[in-house]
Full PDB file with SEQRES, HELIX, SHEET, SSBOND, CRYST1, ORIGX, SCALE, CONECT and MASTER records, all heavy atoms in Angstrom:
SEQRES   1 A   40  GLN ASP ALA THR SER TYR LEU HIS GLU ARG GLY ILE TYR          
SEQRES   2 A   40  GLU SER SER VAL GLU LYS PHE GLY ILE GLY TYR ALA PRO          
SEQRES   3 A   40  ASP SER GLN SER THR MET ASN TYR ILE THR SER GLN MET          
SEQRES   4 A   40  PHE                                                          
HELIX    1 AA1 ASP A    2  GLU A    9  1                                   8    
HELIX    2 AA2 GLU A   14  LYS A   19  1                                   6    
HELIX    3 AA3 SER A   28  SER A   37  1                                  10    
CRYST1    1.000    1.000    1.000  90.00  90.00  90.00 P 1           1          
ORIGX1      1.000000  0.000000  0.000000        0.00000                         
ORIGX2      0.000000  1.000000  0.000000        0.00000                         
ORIGX3      0.000000  0.000000  1.000000        0.00000                         
SCALE1      1.000000  0.000000  0.000000        0.00000                         
SCALE2      0.000000  1.000000  0.000000        0.00000                         
SCALE3      0.000000  0.000000  1.000000        0.00000                         
ATOM      1  N   GLN A   1      87.757  89.401  98.384  1.00  0.00           N  
ATOM      2  CA  GLN A   1      87.675  90.324  99.502  1.00  0.00           C  
ATOM      3  C   GLN A   1      87.203  89.617 100.782  1.00  0.00           C  
ATOM      4  O   GLN A   1      87.765  89.890 101.892  1.00  0.00           O  
ATOM      5  CB  GLN A   1      86.637  91.456  99.181  1.00  0.00           C  
ATOM      6  CG  GLN A   1      86.548  92.535 100.317  1.00  0.00           C  
ATOM      7  CD  GLN A   1      87.828  93.266 100.566  1.00  0.00           C  
ATOM      8  OE1 GLN A   1      88.595  93.600  99.634  1.00  0.00           O  
ATOM      9  NE2 GLN A   1      88.168  93.498 101.864  1.00  0.00           N  
ATOM     10  N   ASP A   2      86.281  88.655 100.635  1.00  0.00           N  
ATOM     11  CA  ASP A   2      85.751  87.951 101.828  1.00  0.00           C  
ATOM     12  C   ASP A   2      86.850  87.099 102.438  1.00  0.00           C  
ATOM     13  O   ASP A   2      86.967  86.987 103.659  1.00  0.00           O  
ATOM     14  CB  ASP A   2      84.535  87.093 101.510  1.00  0.00           C  
ATOM     15  CG  ASP A   2      84.754  86.234 100.225  1.00  0.00           C  
ATOM     16  OD1 ASP A   2      85.787  86.334  99.584  1.00  0.00           O  
ATOM     17  OD2 ASP A   2      83.837  85.436  99.890  1.00  0.00           O  
ATOM     18  N   ALA A   3      87.695  86.503 101.631  1.00  0.00           N  
ATOM     19  CA  ALA A   3      88.800  85.652 102.139  1.00  0.00           C  
ATOM     20  C   ALA A   3      89.833  86.471 102.822  1.00  0.00           C  
ATOM     21  O   ALA A   3      90.327  86.206 103.915  1.00  0.00           O  
ATOM     22  CB  ALA A   3      89.399  84.838 101.054  1.00  0.00           C  
ATOM     23  N   THR A   4      90.305  87.570 102.168  1.00  0.00           N  
ATOM     24  CA  THR A   4      91.360  88.404 102.736  1.00  0.00           C  
ATOM     25  C   THR A   4      90.810  89.079 104.022  1.00  0.00           C  
ATOM     26  O   THR A   4      91.581  89.311 104.986  1.00  0.00           O  
ATOM     27  CB  THR A   4      91.818  89.431 101.777  1.00  0.00           C  
ATOM     28  OG1 THR A   4      90.719  90.185 101.232  1.00  0.00           O  
ATOM     29  CG2 THR A   4      92.569  88.792 100.600  1.00  0.00           C  
ATOM     30  N   SER A   5      89.542  89.485 104.031  1.00  0.00           N  
ATOM     31  CA  SER A   5      88.967  90.112 105.248  1.00  0.00           C  
ATOM     32  C   SER A   5      88.969  89.124 106.395  1.00  0.00           C  
ATOM     33  O   SER A   5      89.279  89.519 107.555  1.00  0.00           O  
ATOM     34  CB  SER A   5      87.515  90.583 104.949  1.00  0.00           C  
ATOM     35  OG  SER A   5      87.489  91.570 104.022  1.00  0.00           O  
ATOM     36  N   TYR A   6      88.615  87.836 106.132  1.00  0.00           N  
ATOM     37  CA  TYR A   6      88.638  86.869 107.211  1.00  0.00           C  
ATOM     38  C   TYR A   6      90.028  86.708 107.763  1.00  0.00           C  
ATOM     39  O   TYR A   6      90.185  86.689 109.000  1.00  0.00           O  
ATOM     40  CB  TYR A   6      88.136  85.505 106.632  1.00  0.00           C  
ATOM     41  CG  TYR A   6      88.299  84.393 107.631  1.00  0.00           C  
ATOM     42  CD1 TYR A   6      87.385  84.196 108.677  1.00  0.00           C  
ATOM     43  CD2 TYR A   6      89.404  83.507 107.517  1.00  0.00           C  
ATOM     44  CE1 TYR A   6      87.563  83.191 109.600  1.00  0.00           C  
ATOM     45  CE2 TYR A   6      89.559  82.496 108.419  1.00  0.00           C  
ATOM     46  CZ  TYR A   6      88.664  82.351 109.481  1.00  0.00           C  
ATOM     47  OH  TYR A   6      88.866  81.291 110.391  1.00  0.00           O  
ATOM     48  N   LEU A   7      91.020  86.596 106.900  1.00  0.00           N  
ATOM     49  CA  LEU A   7      92.393  86.418 107.366  1.00  0.00           C  
ATOM     50  C   LEU A   7      92.863  87.659 108.159  1.00  0.00           C  
ATOM     51  O   LEU A   7      93.543  87.510 109.208  1.00  0.00           O  
ATOM     52  CB  LEU A   7      93.342  86.153 106.216  1.00  0.00           C  
ATOM     53  CG  LEU A   7      93.144  84.855 105.427  1.00  0.00           C  
ATOM     54  CD1 LEU A   7      94.011  84.815 104.197  1.00  0.00           C  
ATOM     55  CD2 LEU A   7      93.450  83.652 106.313  1.00  0.00           C  
ATOM     56  N   HIS A   8      92.467  88.835 107.708  1.00  0.00           N  
ATOM     57  CA  HIS A   8      92.815  90.062 108.403  1.00  0.00           C  
ATOM     58  C   HIS A   8      92.165  90.149 109.768  1.00  0.00           C  
ATOM     59  O   HIS A   8      92.820  90.492 110.770  1.00  0.00           O  
ATOM     60  CB  HIS A   8      92.412  91.300 107.558  1.00  0.00           C  
ATOM     61  CG  HIS A   8      92.752  92.619 108.230  1.00  0.00           C  
ATOM     62  ND1 HIS A   8      94.021  93.073 108.358  1.00  0.00           N  
ATOM     63  CD2 HIS A   8      91.945  93.521 108.841  1.00  0.00           C  
ATOM     64  CE1 HIS A   8      93.972  94.241 108.946  1.00  0.00           C  
ATOM     65  NE2 HIS A   8      92.763  94.539 109.280  1.00  0.00           N  
ATOM     66  N   GLU A   9      90.890  89.731 109.859  1.00  0.00           N  
ATOM     67  CA  GLU A   9      90.175  89.712 111.116  1.00  0.00           C  
ATOM     68  C   GLU A   9      90.780  88.795 112.129  1.00  0.00           C  
ATOM     69  O   GLU A   9      90.824  89.011 113.306  1.00  0.00           O  
ATOM     70  CB  GLU A   9      88.755  89.340 110.885  1.00  0.00           C  
ATOM     71  CG  GLU A   9      87.840  90.390 110.227  1.00  0.00           C  
ATOM     72  CD  GLU A   9      86.533  89.878 109.738  1.00  0.00           C  
ATOM     73  OE1 GLU A   9      86.196  88.717 110.058  1.00  0.00           O  
ATOM     74  OE2 GLU A   9      85.897  90.605 108.949  1.00  0.00           O  
ATOM     75  N   ARG A  10      91.331  87.697 111.617  1.00  0.00           N  
ATOM     76  CA  ARG A  10      92.020  86.743 112.537  1.00  0.00           C  
ATOM     77  C   ARG A  10      93.423  87.185 112.926  1.00  0.00           C  
ATOM     78  O   ARG A  10      94.068  86.527 113.735  1.00  0.00           O  
ATOM     79  CB  ARG A  10      92.074  85.343 111.908  1.00  0.00           C  
ATOM     80  CG  ARG A  10      90.726  84.649 111.644  1.00  0.00           C  
ATOM     81  CD  ARG A  10      89.904  84.518 112.927  1.00  0.00           C  
ATOM     82  NE  ARG A  10      90.561  83.838 114.001  1.00  0.00           N  
ATOM     83  CZ  ARG A  10      90.435  82.545 114.286  1.00  0.00           C  
ATOM     84  NH1 ARG A  10      89.592  81.794 113.568  1.00  0.00           N  
ATOM     85  NH2 ARG A  10      91.106  81.953 115.319  1.00  0.00           N  
ATOM     86  N   GLY A  11      93.871  88.259 112.336  1.00  0.00           N  
ATOM     87  CA  GLY A  11      95.196  88.818 112.712  1.00  0.00           C  
ATOM     88  C   GLY A  11      96.375  88.264 111.933  1.00  0.00           C  
ATOM     89  O   GLY A  11      97.518  88.451 112.341  1.00  0.00           O  
ATOM     90  N   ILE A  12      96.119  87.646 110.803  1.00  0.00           N  
ATOM     91  CA  ILE A  12      97.153  87.037 110.025  1.00  0.00           C  
ATOM     92  C   ILE A  12      97.872  88.068 109.118  1.00  0.00           C  
ATOM     93  O   ILE A  12      97.184  88.760 108.353  1.00  0.00           O  
ATOM     94  CB  ILE A  12      96.637  85.856 109.200  1.00  0.00           C  
ATOM     95  CG1 ILE A  12      96.134  84.747 110.116  1.00  0.00           C  
ATOM     96  CG2 ILE A  12      97.724  85.310 108.233  1.00  0.00           C  
ATOM     97  CD1 ILE A  12      95.458  83.600 109.386  1.00  0.00           C  
ATOM     98  N   TYR A  13      99.190  88.176 109.243  1.00  0.00           N  
ATOM     99  CA  TYR A  13      99.949  89.159 108.414  1.00  0.00           C  
ATOM    100  C   TYR A  13     100.136  88.649 106.985  1.00  0.00           C  
ATOM    101  O   TYR A  13     100.047  87.468 106.719  1.00  0.00           O  
ATOM    102  CB  TYR A  13     101.337  89.395 109.022  1.00  0.00           C  
ATOM    103  CG  TYR A  13     101.363  89.964 110.429  1.00  0.00           C  
ATOM    104  CD1 TYR A  13     102.519  89.771 111.234  1.00  0.00           C  
ATOM    105  CD2 TYR A  13     100.273  90.696 110.929  1.00  0.00           C  
ATOM    106  CE1 TYR A  13     102.508  90.311 112.507  1.00  0.00           C  
ATOM    107  CE2 TYR A  13     100.316  91.250 112.188  1.00  0.00           C  
ATOM    108  CZ  TYR A  13     101.444  91.050 112.996  1.00  0.00           C  
ATOM    109  OH  TYR A  13     101.473  91.583 114.276  1.00  0.00           O  
ATOM    110  N   GLU A  14     100.435  89.590 106.135  1.00  0.00           N  
ATOM    111  CA  GLU A  14     100.801  89.245 104.721  1.00  0.00           C  
ATOM    112  C   GLU A  14     101.975  88.335 104.659  1.00  0.00           C  
ATOM    113  O   GLU A  14     102.031  87.434 103.839  1.00  0.00           O  
ATOM    114  CB  GLU A  14     101.024  90.489 103.899  1.00  0.00           C  
ATOM    115  CG  GLU A  14      99.764  91.249 103.340  1.00  0.00           C  
ATOM    116  CD  GLU A  14      99.024  90.358 102.358  1.00  0.00           C  
ATOM    117  OE1 GLU A  14      99.691  89.648 101.517  1.00  0.00           O  
ATOM    118  OE2 GLU A  14      97.815  90.300 102.412  1.00  0.00           O  
ATOM    119  N   SER A  15     102.964  88.583 105.500  1.00  0.00           N  
ATOM    120  CA  SER A  15     104.160  87.735 105.527  1.00  0.00           C  
ATOM    121  C   SER A  15     103.810  86.282 105.850  1.00  0.00           C  
ATOM    122  O   SER A  15     104.433  85.332 105.338  1.00  0.00           O  
ATOM    123  CB  SER A  15     105.171  88.285 106.505  1.00  0.00           C  
ATOM    124  OG  SER A  15     104.636  88.343 107.804  1.00  0.00           O  
ATOM    125  N   SER A  16     102.816  86.081 106.730  1.00  0.00           N  
ATOM    126  CA  SER A  16     102.421  84.730 107.093  1.00  0.00           C  
ATOM    127  C   SER A  16     101.633  84.102 105.975  1.00  0.00           C  
ATOM    128  O   SER A  16     101.723  82.867 105.726  1.00  0.00           O  
ATOM    129  CB  SER A  16     101.555  84.757 108.382  1.00  0.00           C  
ATOM    130  OG  SER A  16     102.326  85.210 109.444  1.00  0.00           O  
ATOM    131  N   VAL A  17     100.822  84.869 105.266  1.00  0.00           N  
ATOM    132  CA  VAL A  17     100.077  84.344 104.071  1.00  0.00           C  
ATOM    133  C   VAL A  17     101.085  83.789 103.080  1.00  0.00           C  
ATOM    134  O   VAL A  17     100.941  82.705 102.529  1.00  0.00           O  
ATOM    135  CB  VAL A  17      99.234  85.469 103.434  1.00  0.00           C  
ATOM    136  CG1 VAL A  17      98.681  84.973 102.077  1.00  0.00           C  
ATOM    137  CG2 VAL A  17      98.099  85.833 104.346  1.00  0.00           C  
ATOM    138  N   GLU A  18     102.159  84.524 102.870  1.00  0.00           N  
ATOM    139  CA  GLU A  18     103.199  84.102 101.906  1.00  0.00           C  
ATOM    140  C   GLU A  18     104.020  82.850 102.485  1.00  0.00           C  
ATOM    141  O   GLU A  18     104.247  81.920 101.692  1.00  0.00           O  
ATOM    142  CB  GLU A  18     104.192  85.251 101.665  1.00  0.00           C  
ATOM    143  CG  GLU A  18     105.253  84.901 100.633  1.00  0.00           C  
ATOM    144  CD  GLU A  18     106.129  86.094 100.288  1.00  0.00           C  
ATOM    145  OE1 GLU A  18     105.847  87.262 100.802  1.00  0.00           O  
ATOM    146  OE2 GLU A  18     107.158  85.910  99.643  1.00  0.00           O  
ATOM    147  N   LYS A  19     104.409  82.940 103.737  1.00  0.00           N  
ATOM    148  CA  LYS A  19     105.188  81.833 104.338  1.00  0.00           C  
ATOM    149  C   LYS A  19     104.457  80.524 104.262  1.00  0.00           C  
ATOM    150  O   LYS A  19     105.052  79.490 103.928  1.00  0.00           O  
ATOM    151  CB  LYS A  19     105.588  82.208 105.765  1.00  0.00           C  
ATOM    152  CG  LYS A  19     106.246  81.063 106.556  1.00  0.00           C  
ATOM    153  CD  LYS A  19     106.534  81.453 107.960  1.00  0.00           C  
ATOM    154  CE  LYS A  19     107.160  80.246 108.740  1.00  0.00           C  
ATOM    155  NZ  LYS A  19     107.466  80.624 110.171  1.00  0.00           N  
ATOM    156  N   PHE A  20     103.127  80.569 104.591  1.00  0.00           N  
ATOM    157  CA  PHE A  20     102.397  79.286 104.658  1.00  0.00           C  
ATOM    158  C   PHE A  20     101.658  78.936 103.391  1.00  0.00           C  
ATOM    159  O   PHE A  20     100.929  77.989 103.279  1.00  0.00           O  
ATOM    160  CB  PHE A  20     101.456  79.354 105.856  1.00  0.00           C  
ATOM    161  CG  PHE A  20     102.090  79.237 107.170  1.00  0.00           C  
ATOM    162  CD1 PHE A  20     102.519  80.391 107.861  1.00  0.00           C  
ATOM    163  CD2 PHE A  20     102.410  78.012 107.729  1.00  0.00           C  
ATOM    164  CE1 PHE A  20     103.158  80.303 109.053  1.00  0.00           C  
ATOM    165  CE2 PHE A  20     103.015  77.924 108.977  1.00  0.00           C  
ATOM    166  CZ  PHE A  20     103.447  79.092 109.601  1.00  0.00           C  
ATOM    167  N   GLY A  21     101.843  79.841 102.337  1.00  0.00           N  
ATOM    168  CA  GLY A  21     101.247  79.570 101.023  1.00  0.00           C  
ATOM    169  C   GLY A  21      99.703  79.514 101.003  1.00  0.00           C  
ATOM    170  O   GLY A  21      99.121  78.734 100.285  1.00  0.00           O  
ATOM    171  N   ILE A  22      99.092  80.382 101.817  1.00  0.00           N  
ATOM    172  CA  ILE A  22      97.639  80.397 101.927  1.00  0.00           C  
ATOM    173  C   ILE A  22      97.018  80.830 100.588  1.00  0.00           C  
ATOM    174  O   ILE A  22      97.477  81.805  99.975  1.00  0.00           O  
ATOM    175  CB  ILE A  22      97.162  81.262 103.084  1.00  0.00           C  
ATOM    176  CG1 ILE A  22      97.771  80.814 104.380  1.00  0.00           C  
ATOM    177  CG2 ILE A  22      95.634  81.314 103.219  1.00  0.00           C  
ATOM    178  CD1 ILE A  22      97.520  81.718 105.576  1.00  0.00           C  
ATOM    179  N   GLY A  23      95.983  80.196 100.158  1.00  0.00           N  
ATOM    180  CA  GLY A  23      95.287  80.500  98.878  1.00  0.00           C  
ATOM    181  C   GLY A  23      93.826  80.464  98.989  1.00  0.00           C  
ATOM    182  O   GLY A  23      93.233  80.423 100.105  1.00  0.00           O  
ATOM    183  N   TYR A  24      93.147  80.435  97.818  1.00  0.00           N  
ATOM    184  CA  TYR A  24      91.675  80.365  97.772  1.00  0.00           C  
ATOM    185  C   TYR A  24      91.272  79.448  96.607  1.00  0.00           C  
ATOM    186  O   TYR A  24      91.698  79.676  95.457  1.00  0.00           O  
ATOM    187  CB  TYR A  24      91.093  81.793  97.559  1.00  0.00           C  
ATOM    188  CG  TYR A  24      89.576  81.754  97.419  1.00  0.00           C  
ATOM    189  CD1 TYR A  24      88.797  81.615  98.546  1.00  0.00           C  
ATOM    190  CD2 TYR A  24      88.970  81.810  96.158  1.00  0.00           C  
ATOM    191  CE1 TYR A  24      87.383  81.582  98.414  1.00  0.00           C  
ATOM    192  CE2 TYR A  24      87.601  81.750  96.013  1.00  0.00           C  
ATOM    193  CZ  TYR A  24      86.801  81.645  97.144  1.00  0.00           C  
ATOM    194  OH  TYR A  24      85.425  81.548  97.033  1.00  0.00           O  
ATOM    195  N   ALA A  25      90.393  78.479  96.920  1.00  0.00           N  
ATOM    196  CA  ALA A  25      89.889  77.555  95.906  1.00  0.00           C  
ATOM    197  C   ALA A  25      88.540  78.103  95.424  1.00  0.00           C  
ATOM    198  O   ALA A  25      87.645  78.358  96.192  1.00  0.00           O  
ATOM    199  CB  ALA A  25      89.774  76.191  96.485  1.00  0.00           C  
ATOM    200  N   PRO A  26      88.396  78.277  94.093  1.00  0.00           N  
ATOM    201  CA  PRO A  26      87.147  78.806  93.520  1.00  0.00           C  
ATOM    202  C   PRO A  26      86.088  77.700  93.368  1.00  0.00           C  
ATOM    203  O   PRO A  26      86.198  76.672  94.024  1.00  0.00           O  
ATOM    204  CB  PRO A  26      87.577  79.365  92.175  1.00  0.00           C  
ATOM    205  CG  PRO A  26      88.698  78.445  91.730  1.00  0.00           C  
ATOM    206  CD  PRO A  26      89.402  77.992  93.068  1.00  0.00           C  
ATOM    207  N   ASP A  27      85.124  77.957  92.500  1.00  0.00           N  
ATOM    208  CA  ASP A  27      84.100  76.922  92.249  1.00  0.00           C  
ATOM    209  C   ASP A  27      84.750  75.744  91.561  1.00  0.00           C  
ATOM    210  O   ASP A  27      85.846  75.787  91.011  1.00  0.00           O  
ATOM    211  CB  ASP A  27      83.001  77.499  91.379  1.00  0.00           C  
ATOM    212  CG  ASP A  27      83.486  77.967  90.051  1.00  0.00           C  
ATOM    213  OD1 ASP A  27      83.954  79.104  89.975  1.00  0.00           O  
ATOM    214  OD2 ASP A  27      83.479  77.143  89.077  1.00  0.00           O  
ATOM    215  N   SER A  28      83.995  74.598  91.560  1.00  0.00           N  
ATOM    216  CA  SER A  28      84.583  73.343  91.098  1.00  0.00           C  
ATOM    217  C   SER A  28      85.004  73.436  89.612  1.00  0.00           C  
ATOM    218  O   SER A  28      86.115  72.978  89.261  1.00  0.00           O  
ATOM    219  CB  SER A  28      83.503  72.231  91.300  1.00  0.00           C  
ATOM    220  OG  SER A  28      84.047  70.984  90.888  1.00  0.00           O  
ATOM    221  N   GLN A  29      84.171  73.985  88.749  1.00  0.00           N  
ATOM    222  CA  GLN A  29      84.478  74.001  87.339  1.00  0.00           C  
ATOM    223  C   GLN A  29      85.709  74.854  87.031  1.00  0.00           C  
ATOM    224  O   GLN A  29      86.477  74.450  86.151  1.00  0.00           O  
ATOM    225  CB  GLN A  29      83.254  74.567  86.595  1.00  0.00           C  
ATOM    226  CG  GLN A  29      83.352  74.242  85.059  1.00  0.00           C  
ATOM    227  CD  GLN A  29      83.487  72.783  84.719  1.00  0.00           C  
ATOM    228  OE1 GLN A  29      82.713  71.919  85.180  1.00  0.00           O  
ATOM    229  NE2 GLN A  29      84.486  72.410  83.926  1.00  0.00           N  
ATOM    230  N   SER A  30      85.862  75.930  87.763  1.00  0.00           N  
ATOM    231  CA  SER A  30      87.062  76.786  87.505  1.00  0.00           C  
ATOM    232  C   SER A  30      88.350  76.045  87.783  1.00  0.00           C  
ATOM    233  O   SER A  30      89.336  76.130  87.094  1.00  0.00           O  
ATOM    234  CB  SER A  30      86.997  78.053  88.344  1.00  0.00           C  
ATOM    235  OG  SER A  30      85.890  78.872  87.963  1.00  0.00           O  
ATOM    236  N   THR A  31      88.311  75.260  88.870  1.00  0.00           N  
ATOM    237  CA  THR A  31      89.493  74.449  89.258  1.00  0.00           C  
ATOM    238  C   THR A  31      89.831  73.431  88.135  1.00  0.00           C  
ATOM    239  O   THR A  31      90.928  73.295  87.754  1.00  0.00           O  
ATOM    240  CB  THR A  31      89.226  73.767  90.629  1.00  0.00           C  
ATOM    241  OG1 THR A  31      89.185  74.699  91.666  1.00  0.00           O  
ATOM    242  CG2 THR A  31      90.354  72.752  90.894  1.00  0.00           C  
ATOM    243  N   MET A  32      88.789  72.716  87.707  1.00  0.00           N  
ATOM    244  CA  MET A  32      89.026  71.704  86.698  1.00  0.00           C  
ATOM    245  C   MET A  32      89.438  72.342  85.357  1.00  0.00           C  
ATOM    246  O   MET A  32      90.262  71.750  84.611  1.00  0.00           O  
ATOM    247  CB  MET A  32      87.769  70.806  86.561  1.00  0.00           C  
ATOM    248  CG  MET A  32      87.626  69.918  87.793  1.00  0.00           C  
ATOM    249  SD  MET A  32      86.383  68.638  87.595  1.00  0.00           S  
ATOM    250  CE  MET A  32      84.897  69.631  87.596  1.00  0.00           C  
ATOM    251  N   ASN A  33      88.844  73.462  85.009  1.00  0.00           N  
ATOM    252  CA  ASN A  33      89.268  74.179  83.812  1.00  0.00           C  
ATOM    253  C   ASN A  33      90.775  74.524  83.861  1.00  0.00           C  
ATOM    254  O   ASN A  33      91.498  74.389  82.890  1.00  0.00           O  
ATOM    255  CB  ASN A  33      88.450  75.417  83.572  1.00  0.00           C  
ATOM    256  CG  ASN A  33      87.040  75.083  83.164  1.00  0.00           C  
ATOM    257  OD1 ASN A  33      86.706  73.944  82.718  1.00  0.00           O  
ATOM    258  ND2 ASN A  33      86.139  76.062  83.229  1.00  0.00           N  
ATOM    259  N   TYR A  34      91.194  74.986  85.042  1.00  0.00           N  
ATOM    260  CA  TYR A  34      92.623  75.351  85.207  1.00  0.00           C  
ATOM    261  C   TYR A  34      93.502  74.101  85.051  1.00  0.00           C  
ATOM    262  O   TYR A  34      94.541  74.180  84.363  1.00  0.00           O  
ATOM    263  CB  TYR A  34      92.830  76.012  86.553  1.00  0.00           C  
ATOM    264  CG  TYR A  34      94.322  76.342  86.784  1.00  0.00           C  
ATOM    265  CD1 TYR A  34      94.901  77.470  86.210  1.00  0.00           C  
ATOM    266  CD2 TYR A  34      95.107  75.479  87.518  1.00  0.00           C  
ATOM    267  CE1 TYR A  34      96.256  77.717  86.366  1.00  0.00           C  
ATOM    268  CE2 TYR A  34      96.461  75.708  87.700  1.00  0.00           C  
ATOM    269  CZ  TYR A  34      97.032  76.849  87.126  1.00  0.00           C  
ATOM    270  OH  TYR A  34      98.377  77.119  87.278  1.00  0.00           O  
ATOM    271  N   ILE A  35      93.119  73.022  85.655  1.00  0.00           N  
ATOM    272  CA  ILE A  35      93.894  71.777  85.590  1.00  0.00           C  
ATOM    273  C   ILE A  35      94.101  71.370  84.163  1.00  0.00           C  
ATOM    274  O   ILE A  35      95.222  71.047  83.705  1.00  0.00           O  
ATOM    275  CB  ILE A  35      93.225  70.672  86.404  1.00  0.00           C  
ATOM    276  CG1 ILE A  35      93.359  70.985  87.923  1.00  0.00           C  
ATOM    277  CG2 ILE A  35      93.877  69.305  86.122  1.00  0.00           C  
ATOM    278  CD1 ILE A  35      92.469  70.097  88.811  1.00  0.00           C  
ATOM    279  N   THR A  36      93.016  71.284  83.374  1.00  0.00           N  
ATOM    280  CA  THR A  36      93.131  70.839  81.985  1.00  0.00           C  
ATOM    281  C   THR A  36      93.869  71.880  81.114  1.00  0.00           C  
ATOM    282  O   THR A  36      94.602  71.485  80.177  1.00  0.00           O  
ATOM    283  CB  THR A  36      91.718  70.587  81.426  1.00  0.00           C  
ATOM    284  OG1 THR A  36      90.909  71.766  81.547  1.00  0.00           O  
ATOM    285  CG2 THR A  36      91.103  69.391  82.077  1.00  0.00           C  
ATOM    286  N   SER A  37      93.764  73.142  81.478  1.00  0.00           N  
ATOM    287  CA  SER A  37      94.495  74.203  80.689  1.00  0.00           C  
ATOM    288  C   SER A  37      95.982  74.098  80.858  1.00  0.00           C  
ATOM    289  O   SER A  37      96.784  74.576  80.023  1.00  0.00           O  
ATOM    290  CB  SER A  37      93.987  75.576  81.101  1.00  0.00           C  
ATOM    291  OG  SER A  37      94.534  75.960  82.397  1.00  0.00           O  
ATOM    292  N   GLN A  38      96.415  73.476  81.980  1.00  0.00           N  
ATOM    293  CA  GLN A  38      97.816  73.296  82.256  1.00  0.00           C  
ATOM    294  C   GLN A  38      98.369  71.941  81.772  1.00  0.00           C  
ATOM    295  O   GLN A  38      99.410  71.508  82.130  1.00  0.00           O  
ATOM    296  CB  GLN A  38      98.112  73.447  83.751  1.00  0.00           C  
ATOM    297  CG  GLN A  38      97.790  74.798  84.345  1.00  0.00           C  
ATOM    298  CD  GLN A  38      98.541  75.907  83.688  1.00  0.00           C  
ATOM    299  OE1 GLN A  38      99.775  75.891  83.678  1.00  0.00           O  
ATOM    300  NE2 GLN A  38      97.851  76.940  83.161  1.00  0.00           N  
ATOM    301  N   MET A  39      97.533  71.267  80.937  1.00  0.00           N  
ATOM    302  CA  MET A  39      97.901  70.022  80.324  1.00  0.00           C  
ATOM    303  C   MET A  39      98.008  68.843  81.261  1.00  0.00           C  
ATOM    304  O   MET A  39      98.709  67.849  80.998  1.00  0.00           O  
ATOM    305  CB  MET A  39      99.219  70.165  79.452  1.00  0.00           C  
ATOM    306  CG  MET A  39      99.218  71.209  78.448  1.00  0.00           C  
ATOM    307  SD  MET A  39      97.775  71.038  77.289  1.00  0.00           S  
ATOM    308  CE  MET A  39      97.862  72.510  76.314  1.00  0.00           C  
ATOM    309  N   PHE A  40      97.300  68.935  82.377  1.00  0.00           N  
ATOM    310  CA  PHE A  40      97.191  67.826  83.313  1.00  0.00           C  
ATOM    311  C   PHE A  40      95.876  67.090  82.997  1.00  0.00           C  
ATOM    312  O   PHE A  40      94.892  67.749  82.573  1.00  0.00           O  
ATOM    313  CB  PHE A  40      97.202  68.246  84.743  1.00  0.00           C  
ATOM    314  CG  PHE A  40      98.480  68.910  85.186  1.00  0.00           C  
ATOM    315  CD1 PHE A  40      98.510  70.286  85.423  1.00  0.00           C  
ATOM    316  CD2 PHE A  40      99.623  68.141  85.388  1.00  0.00           C  
ATOM    317  CE1 PHE A  40      99.691  70.870  85.800  1.00  0.00           C  
ATOM    318  CE2 PHE A  40     100.821  68.773  85.759  1.00  0.00           C  
ATOM    319  CZ  PHE A  40     100.862  70.121  86.000  1.00  0.00           C  
TER     320      PHE A  40                                                      
MASTER        0    0    0    3    0    0    0    6  319    1    0    4          
END                                                                             
């Protein structure tokens, strides 16, 4: 919610979020768990 609220406050449309591939990086361990779960 905090990330989407920030983007909304800055005036960024959903179409722009999709066009530019904007995302959200979680905590460090979650990222590394995802990497290893995908066999990298």
